[in-house]
Protein backbone atom coordinates (compact mmCIF):
# COMPACT_ATOMS: atom_id res chain seq x y z
CA MET A 1 0.00 0.00 0.00
CA GLY A 2 1.13 3.59 -0.59
CA SER A 3 1.12 6.50 1.83
CA GLN A 4 -1.21 9.45 1.08
CA GLY A 5 0.48 12.85 1.16
CA THR A 6 -1.19 16.06 2.43
CA GLY A 7 -0.34 19.73 2.17
CA GLY A 8 1.56 19.35 -1.12
CA GLN A 9 3.58 16.33 0.04
CA VAL A 10 4.25 13.66 -2.60
CA SER A 11 2.78 10.23 -2.01
CA ILE A 12 5.08 7.29 -2.78
CA THR A 13 3.64 3.91 -3.65
CA THR A 14 5.54 0.63 -3.32
CA ARG A 15 5.65 0.39 -7.11
CA GLY A 16 7.04 3.87 -7.37
CA LEU A 17 9.77 3.05 -4.84
CA VAL A 18 10.83 0.00 -6.87
CA SER A 19 11.02 2.16 -10.00
CA MET A 20 13.30 4.60 -8.21
CA VAL A 21 15.61 1.80 -7.11
CA ILE A 22 15.86 0.56 -10.72
CA LEU A 23 16.61 4.09 -11.93
CA LEU A 24 19.32 4.47 -9.29
CA LEU A 25 20.80 1.15 -10.37
CA HIS A 26 20.95 2.43 -13.96
CA ILE A 27 22.67 5.60 -12.82
CA ARG A 28 25.20 3.60 -10.85
CA LEU A 29 26.03 1.49 -13.91
CA THR A 30 26.43 4.60 -16.01
CA ASP A 31 28.70 6.28 -13.49
CA GLY A 32 30.96 3.23 -13.11
CA ALA A 33 34.51 3.00 -14.44
CA ASP A 34 35.19 1.85 -17.99
CA LEU A 35 35.55 -1.89 -18.43
CA PRO A 36 39.00 -2.68 -19.91
CA VAL A 37 39.10 -5.34 -22.62
CA THR A 38 42.18 -6.67 -24.44
CA CYS A 39 41.53 -8.02 -27.93
CA GLY A 40 43.97 -10.09 -29.98
CA PHE A 41 44.98 -8.64 -33.34
CA SER A 42 43.15 -10.33 -36.26
CA GLU A 43 41.09 -12.38 -33.78
CA ASP A 44 37.43 -12.15 -32.72
CA CYS A 45 36.57 -10.27 -29.53
CA VAL A 46 33.38 -10.02 -27.43
CA LEU A 47 32.45 -6.70 -25.79
CA ARG A 48 30.21 -7.48 -22.82
CA CYS A 49 27.08 -5.44 -22.13
CA SER A 50 23.96 -6.34 -20.17
CA PHE A 51 20.72 -4.56 -19.26
CA GLN A 52 17.42 -5.16 -17.49
CA SER A 53 15.31 -7.11 -19.95
CA GLY A 54 12.09 -5.65 -21.26
CA ILE A 55 10.16 -5.19 -24.47
CA GLU A 56 10.90 -2.69 -27.24
CA GLU A 57 14.67 -3.12 -26.92
CA ILE A 58 16.95 -0.53 -28.45
CA ILE A 59 20.73 -1.14 -28.62
CA HIS A 60 23.37 1.22 -29.95
CA TRP A 61 27.09 0.51 -29.95
CA VAL A 62 29.11 3.65 -30.64
CA LYS A 63 32.84 4.27 -30.70
CA LEU A 64 33.71 7.68 -29.35
CA ASP A 65 33.68 10.14 -31.06
CA ASN A 66 30.29 9.24 -32.51
CA ILE A 67 31.38 6.43 -34.86
CA ARG A 68 28.40 4.12 -35.30
CA VAL A 69 29.41 0.49 -34.80
CA HIS A 70 26.12 -1.44 -34.55
CA SER A 71 22.44 -0.68 -33.94
CA TYR A 72 19.39 -2.79 -33.13
CA TYR A 73 15.72 -1.76 -32.84
CA TYR A 74 12.32 -2.85 -34.10
CA SER A 75 13.49 -6.38 -33.24
CA LYS A 76 16.22 -6.48 -35.89
CA ASP A 77 19.71 -5.18 -36.76
CA GLN A 78 19.79 -1.70 -38.26
CA LEU A 79 23.07 -1.25 -40.14
CA GLU A 80 22.26 1.41 -42.73
CA ASN A 81 24.28 4.03 -40.84
CA GLN A 82 27.07 1.69 -39.71
CA ASP A 83 30.57 3.10 -40.20
CA GLN A 84 32.40 1.57 -43.16
CA GLN A 85 35.30 0.16 -41.11
CA TYR A 86 32.89 -2.10 -39.19
CA ARG A 87 30.97 -3.51 -42.17
CA GLN A 88 30.67 -7.30 -42.09
CA ARG A 89 32.60 -7.40 -38.80
CA THR A 90 29.97 -6.99 -36.06
CA ALA A 91 27.13 -9.07 -34.66
CA LEU A 92 24.86 -9.18 -31.62
CA PHE A 93 23.73 -12.36 -29.91
CA ASN A 94 20.16 -11.80 -31.07
CA ASN A 95 18.64 -14.82 -29.33
CA GLN A 96 20.06 -13.51 -26.04
CA ILE A 97 18.70 -9.95 -26.33
CA PRO A 98 15.32 -10.78 -24.65
CA LYS A 99 17.38 -12.03 -21.69
CA GLY A 100 19.20 -8.70 -21.34
CA ASN A 101 22.37 -9.51 -23.30
CA ALA A 102 23.55 -6.69 -25.57
CA SER A 103 27.12 -7.95 -26.01
CA LEU A 104 28.83 -7.23 -29.33
CA LEU A 105 30.98 -9.66 -31.31
CA LEU A 106 33.76 -7.81 -33.15
CA ARG A 107 35.49 -9.92 -35.78
CA ASN A 108 39.01 -9.72 -37.20
CA VAL A 109 40.19 -7.04 -34.80
CA THR A 110 42.50 -4.34 -36.19
CA VAL A 111 44.79 -1.81 -34.53
CA GLN A 112 42.31 0.91 -35.52
CA ASP A 113 39.65 -0.74 -33.32
CA GLN A 114 41.40 0.50 -30.18
CA GLY A 115 39.49 3.09 -28.19
CA ARG A 116 36.48 3.81 -25.98
CA TYR A 117 33.07 2.33 -26.81
CA LYS A 118 29.63 3.10 -25.45
CA CYS A 119 26.87 0.51 -25.13
CA TYR A 120 23.47 2.24 -24.97
CA THR A 121 20.36 0.17 -24.20
CA SER A 122 16.73 1.15 -23.78
CA THR A 123 13.45 -0.65 -23.01
CA ILE A 124 10.09 0.44 -21.63
CA ASN A 125 11.72 0.04 -18.21
CA GLY A 126 14.30 2.74 -18.87
CA ASN A 127 17.71 3.17 -20.47
CA GLN A 128 21.35 2.82 -19.45
CA GLU A 129 24.87 3.33 -20.75
CA SER A 130 28.11 1.49 -20.09
CA TYR A 131 31.61 2.02 -21.47
CA ILE A 132 34.38 -0.30 -22.62
CA ASN A 133 38.00 0.53 -23.37
CA ILE A 134 39.57 -1.73 -26.00
CA LYS A 135 43.29 -2.37 -26.20
CA VAL A 136 44.63 -4.37 -29.14
CA GLU A 137 47.54 -6.75 -28.65
CA ALA A 138 49.65 -8.86 -30.98
CA PRO A 139 51.93 -10.56 -28.45
CA VAL A 140 55.51 -11.60 -29.09
CA ARG A 141 55.23 -15.24 -30.17
CA LEU A 142 58.70 -16.14 -31.39
CA VAL A 143 62.16 -14.62 -31.29
CA ASN A 144 64.66 -15.77 -33.91
CA ILE A 145 68.41 -15.67 -33.36
CA GLN A 146 71.26 -16.55 -35.72
CA ILE A 147 74.95 -15.85 -36.17
CA SER A 148 77.07 -15.09 -39.23
CA ASP A 149 80.70 -13.92 -39.29
CA ASP A 150 80.64 -13.31 -35.51
CA ILE A 151 77.61 -11.01 -35.83
CA ILE A 152 74.41 -12.06 -34.01
CA THR A 153 71.03 -11.12 -35.45
CA CYS A 154 67.90 -11.21 -33.29
CA SER A 155 64.46 -10.56 -34.77
CA SER A 156 60.74 -10.89 -34.15
CA THR A 157 57.72 -10.05 -36.31
CA GLY A 158 53.98 -9.36 -36.01
CA ILE A 159 53.97 -7.44 -32.71
CA TYR A 160 51.74 -4.79 -31.13
CA PRO A 161 52.15 -2.49 -29.23
CA LYS A 162 55.62 -1.24 -30.13
CA PRO A 163 58.22 -3.75 -28.88
CA LYS A 164 61.52 -3.25 -27.09
CA LEU A 165 64.61 -5.42 -27.63
CA THR A 166 67.41 -5.86 -25.08
CA TRP A 167 70.65 -7.86 -24.99
CA THR A 168 72.13 -9.54 -21.89
CA THR A 169 74.66 -12.30 -21.17
CA ASP A 170 74.82 -15.25 -18.79
CA PRO A 171 76.82 -15.02 -16.64
CA PRO A 172 76.53 -11.20 -16.52
CA PHE A 173 79.37 -9.60 -18.39
CA ASP A 174 80.67 -6.01 -18.49
CA LEU A 175 80.61 -5.18 -22.16
CA SER A 176 83.32 -3.16 -23.81
CA PRO A 177 82.12 -0.29 -26.03
CA GLY A 178 82.52 -2.39 -29.17
CA GLN A 179 80.71 -5.38 -27.68
CA ALA A 180 77.84 -3.26 -26.35
CA ASP A 181 77.12 -1.62 -29.69
CA SER A 182 73.94 -2.93 -31.26
CA GLN A 183 72.04 -1.78 -34.33
CA ASN A 184 68.27 -1.83 -33.77
CA SER A 185 65.63 -1.41 -36.46
CA THR A 186 61.86 -1.19 -35.89
CA GLY A 187 59.23 -0.86 -38.59
CA THR A 188 55.50 -1.27 -39.17
CA ASN A 189 53.50 -2.85 -41.96
CA GLU A 190 50.35 -1.47 -43.57
CA GLN A 191 48.27 -2.85 -40.69
CA GLY A 192 50.27 -1.00 -38.05
CA ILE A 193 51.98 -4.16 -36.73
CA TYR A 194 55.64 -3.98 -35.72
CA ASP A 195 58.74 -5.94 -36.74
CA ILE A 196 62.01 -5.52 -34.84
CA THR A 197 65.61 -6.55 -35.65
CA SER A 198 68.90 -6.06 -33.82
CA THR A 199 72.50 -7.00 -34.62
CA LYS A 200 75.57 -6.98 -32.39
CA PRO A 201 79.02 -8.57 -32.10
CA PHE A 202 79.04 -12.14 -30.77
CA ILE A 203 80.56 -12.53 -27.29
CA ARG A 204 82.41 -15.82 -26.98
CA ASN A 205 82.37 -17.98 -23.85
CA GLN A 206 79.06 -16.36 -22.84
CA THR A 207 75.40 -17.20 -23.33
CA ASN A 208 74.04 -14.33 -25.43
CA ILE A 209 70.40 -13.55 -24.56
CA CYS A 210 68.00 -11.49 -26.68
CA THR A 211 64.70 -10.44 -25.06
CA VAL A 212 61.79 -8.85 -26.94
CA THR A 213 59.10 -7.19 -24.80
CA SER A 214 55.70 -5.80 -25.81
CA GLY A 215 53.18 -4.77 -23.17
CA THR A 216 53.27 -7.40 -20.44
CA ARG A 217 54.55 -10.17 -22.74
CA GLU A 218 58.16 -11.08 -23.41
CA ARG A 219 60.02 -13.84 -25.20
CA THR A 220 63.72 -14.67 -25.28
CA ALA A 221 66.24 -16.34 -27.54
CA THR A 222 69.64 -17.55 -26.37
CA LEU A 223 72.83 -18.38 -28.21
CA LYS A 224 76.04 -19.89 -26.90
CA GLN A 225 79.06 -21.51 -28.48
CA GLN A 226 81.06 -24.48 -27.30
CA ILE A 227 83.88 -26.69 -28.61
CA ASN A 228 83.75 -30.47 -28.66
CA SER A 229 86.70 -32.64 -29.67
CA SER A 230 86.23 -36.17 -30.90
CA PRO A 231 89.22 -38.58 -30.85
CA GLY A 232 87.28 -41.13 -32.88
CA SER A 233 84.45 -41.64 -35.34
CA GLU A 234 81.68 -41.48 -32.70
CA VAL A 235 80.54 -38.42 -30.77
CA SER A 236 77.64 -37.05 -28.71
CA ILE A 237 77.09 -33.31 -29.19
CA PRO A 238 75.20 -31.82 -26.22
CA CYS A 239 72.18 -29.57 -26.47
CA SER A 240 71.39 -28.60 -22.88
CA PHE A 241 68.56 -26.34 -21.75
CA PRO A 242 66.52 -25.77 -18.55
CA LEU A 243 64.36 -28.79 -17.75
CA SER A 244 61.22 -26.64 -17.75
CA ASP A 245 61.73 -26.00 -21.47
CA LEU A 246 62.00 -29.68 -22.29
CA LEU A 247 58.38 -30.56 -21.55
CA THR A 248 57.39 -29.72 -25.10
CA PHE A 249 59.65 -28.49 -27.89
CA ASN A 250 60.62 -28.66 -31.54
CA LEU A 251 64.26 -29.41 -32.25
CA THR A 252 66.35 -28.81 -35.38
CA TRP A 253 69.98 -29.82 -35.81
CA ARG A 254 72.01 -28.15 -38.59
CA PHE A 255 75.52 -28.47 -39.95
CA ASN A 256 77.41 -25.24 -40.61
CA GLN A 257 74.11 -23.45 -39.88
CA ASP A 258 72.41 -24.06 -43.21
CA VAL A 259 72.41 -27.82 -43.86
CA ILE A 260 69.59 -29.53 -41.95
CA ILE A 261 70.58 -32.79 -40.28
CA LEU A 262 67.29 -33.67 -38.58
CA THR A 263 64.10 -32.32 -37.04
CA TYR A 264 62.38 -33.68 -33.94
CA ASN A 265 58.90 -32.98 -32.52
CA MET A 266 58.54 -33.69 -28.79
CA ASP A 267 54.73 -33.78 -28.94
CA THR A 268 54.59 -36.53 -31.56
CA HIS A 269 58.02 -38.04 -30.75
CA GLN A 270 58.74 -38.11 -34.46
CA MET A 271 62.25 -37.60 -35.82
CA GLN A 272 62.96 -36.83 -39.49
CA VAL A 273 66.57 -37.38 -40.57
CA GLU A 274 67.74 -35.95 -43.90
CA ASP A 275 68.82 -38.62 -46.39
CA HIS A 276 72.47 -37.53 -46.62
CA TRP A 277 72.85 -37.80 -42.82
CA LYS A 278 71.11 -41.12 -42.18
CA GLU A 279 74.39 -43.03 -42.12
CA GLN A 280 75.86 -40.75 -39.45
CA VAL A 281 72.88 -40.14 -37.12
CA GLN A 282 72.51 -42.73 -34.38
CA ASP A 283 69.95 -41.10 -32.12
CA VAL A 284 68.78 -37.98 -30.29
CA SER A 285 68.71 -38.17 -26.49
CA GLU A 286 65.81 -37.01 -24.32
CA SER A 287 67.71 -33.79 -23.62
CA GLY A 288 68.18 -33.14 -27.36
CA SER A 289 71.85 -34.19 -27.67
CA LEU A 290 72.88 -35.49 -31.09
CA GLN A 291 74.64 -38.86 -31.29
CA LEU A 292 76.74 -39.42 -34.42
CA HIS A 293 79.03 -42.17 -35.71
CA ARG A 294 80.99 -43.10 -38.86
CA LEU A 295 82.40 -39.59 -39.04
CA THR A 296 85.10 -38.47 -41.45
CA ARG A 297 87.05 -35.25 -41.60
CA LYS A 298 84.42 -33.59 -43.79
CA HIS A 299 82.07 -33.77 -40.80
CA GLN A 300 84.29 -31.39 -38.87
CA GLY A 301 82.57 -28.02 -38.51
CA ILE A 302 79.81 -26.15 -36.69
CA TYR A 303 76.76 -28.04 -35.40
CA SER A 304 73.80 -25.91 -34.37
CA CYS A 305 71.04 -27.10 -32.08
CA GLU A 306 67.88 -24.96 -32.28
CA LEU A 307 65.21 -25.68 -29.72
CA SER A 308 61.86 -23.85 -29.88
CA THR A 309 59.22 -23.96 -27.15
CA THR A 310 55.91 -22.14 -26.84
CA ARG A 311 57.77 -19.40 -24.99
CA ASP A 312 61.43 -19.25 -26.00
CA THR A 313 63.97 -20.10 -28.65
CA HIS A 314 67.44 -21.45 -27.82
CA LEU A 315 70.40 -21.89 -30.14
CA VAL A 316 73.65 -23.65 -29.26
CA LEU A 317 76.58 -23.70 -31.68
CA THR A 318 79.17 -26.45 -31.21
CA TYR A 319 82.41 -26.57 -33.15
CA LEU A 320 83.28 -30.24 -33.63
CA GLU A 321 87.00 -30.88 -33.97
CA ILE A 322 87.93 -34.37 -35.14
CA THR A 323 91.37 -35.06 -33.69
CA SER A 324 92.14 -38.64 -34.74
CA ASP A 325 94.43 -39.00 -37.78
CA ASP A 326 92.82 -42.33 -38.58
CA ILE A 327 89.46 -40.67 -39.27
CA ASN A 328 90.94 -39.11 -42.42
CA THR A 329 92.10 -42.38 -43.95
CA GLY A 330 89.21 -44.57 -42.91
CA LYS A 331 91.55 -46.91 -40.98
CA LYS A 332 90.51 -48.50 -37.73
CA PRO A 333 91.55 -46.31 -34.76
CA ARG A 334 94.97 -47.27 -33.41
CA THR A 335 95.32 -48.94 -30.04
CA LYS A 336 96.99 -47.13 -27.16
CA LYS A 337 100.08 -49.35 -27.58
CA GLU A 338 100.38 -48.37 -31.25
CA ARG A 339 99.98 -44.68 -30.46
CA ASP A 340 102.61 -44.89 -27.69
CA LYS A 341 105.00 -46.62 -30.05
CA SER A 342 104.57 -43.78 -32.54
CA ASP A 343 104.99 -41.11 -29.90
CA ASN A 344 108.26 -42.71 -28.61
CA GLY A 345 110.08 -41.94 -31.82
CA THR A 346 110.14 -45.32 -33.58
CA GLU A 347 110.81 -45.44 -37.27
CA GLU A 348 107.11 -45.93 -37.84
CA GLY A 349 106.31 -42.86 -35.80
CA LYS A 350 108.99 -40.77 -37.54
CA SER A 351 107.66 -41.85 -40.91
CA GLU A 352 104.13 -40.90 -39.98
CA THR A 353 105.24 -37.55 -38.62
CA ALA A 354 107.29 -36.79 -41.70
CA SER A 355 104.52 -37.68 -44.09
CA ASN A 356 101.90 -35.66 -42.22
CA PRO A 357 103.55 -32.41 -41.09
CA GLY A 358 101.08 -29.91 -39.57
CA GLU A 359 98.26 -32.46 -39.80
CA GLU A 360 96.71 -31.43 -36.49
CA HIS A 361 96.66 -27.75 -37.42
CA GLU A 362 95.13 -28.55 -40.77
CA LEU A 363 92.24 -30.30 -39.03
CA VAL A 364 91.48 -27.26 -36.93
CA ASP A 365 91.76 -24.73 -39.74
CA ARG A 366 89.71 -26.57 -42.34
CA GLN A 367 86.15 -26.67 -41.06
CA ASN A 368 84.55 -28.44 -43.95
CA ASP A 369 85.96 -29.92 -47.15
CA ASP A 370 82.45 -30.41 -48.50
CA PRO A 371 80.41 -27.12 -48.46
CA SER A 372 77.21 -28.93 -49.33
CA GLY A 373 77.32 -30.87 -46.09
CA ASP A 374 76.64 -34.18 -47.88
CA ALA A 375 77.72 -37.14 -45.81
CA GLU A 376 77.96 -39.97 -48.18
C-alpha cells in the first residue's frame, strides 16, 4: 500500500519506490569505471554489455567520437548508418537480447579498433549506458636468433604495441664499447603491426640472450658456443637447456648453420633425418643431444642445435674438432700401444710424422671440405 500525502507532500507507492531503485541502479552502472578489454589482433573479440530485460529493446554501440558500430531496434539489426570500417565485422547475440544480453561480437580485430566504446540500451523500463576501453595486442610469439661472421642477429615479427629489444649475457658480463654496440631497427606494416631486428658482435664464452618485450609479454632467444673434440668416429654433441623448457619443444639440428641434419617434434616423438645424414645419425637423447658415428674429416665443422618452445627459442653452436688422424684415412683407430710406439720416436712414428707435417693444425683450420654438407 502507498502513503497518502497532504499539504503538497508527494505520495510514494511501493511500485514507485521500486522504479526509483531501478533508476538508481541504472545511474550507478552509467557512473561506473570503464571496463577494460584486451583483444587479440586479427582475432574475434566479445564486448560485454547487459541490461534489465524488457520489451521494445533498443541497442546502440558507438565508438567515441560518434562512430556508429552497430544498432538494433524494431526487433532487428539496423546497419544502414554503420561506419564503413565495421561492415561485415559486427554481430549481436540476437537470441540472447530478450534475456538482457547486448554484447557485441567484433570480428578480425584491427589496430584501428582500439578506443572507448559506449553501449546504450533502452526498453520500456528505462535506459542505461556502459563504457568499454579496448586495447589491441599482438603478443611476441617467437624470437629468432642466428649468427654469421661473428655477428648475431635477433628478430621478431607481427607485434603490437611497439616492442623493445634488449641484450644480456649469462653469466653477466661487463661489455666493452665495441661489444655493447647494437644496431636496432623497428618498422610497421600497412596494418600497423611492428617488426624488430637487432644485430651486435658475438661474445664468446658467454650465453648471449636477446629479449623482446611488448606490453606485459616477453620472449627470449639464447645463443652460446662451445667446442667439442672427438678422438674417434663417434661423438655425442650436447644440447642442454633448462628442464622446464623440455616438456614440449621442436628441435632442429644443422651443420654449418644451413644444412639440416634432422628435425624432432617432442609432442609426436617423431624424428625426421635428412637422407644424406642417415648413415651418421645414431639417435637424439631425451635432452636433445645429437649422437653421431661413422664420421670423417668432412664432418668437422659447426653443429647448431635450435630448440623452440611455446615461450622461448634457444640456439647452441658447437664446433666439432675431429682429432684422430685415422678418421681421415678410414683406418681403424689405433690402439693405445700403437699410439705410444709412434709417440716414442720409432721409425714408424717418424715416418708418420714426416709424411703428415702440420696435420693437427690442418684439421682445426679446415672446417669443412664439402660445403654442401653431404655425408655420403
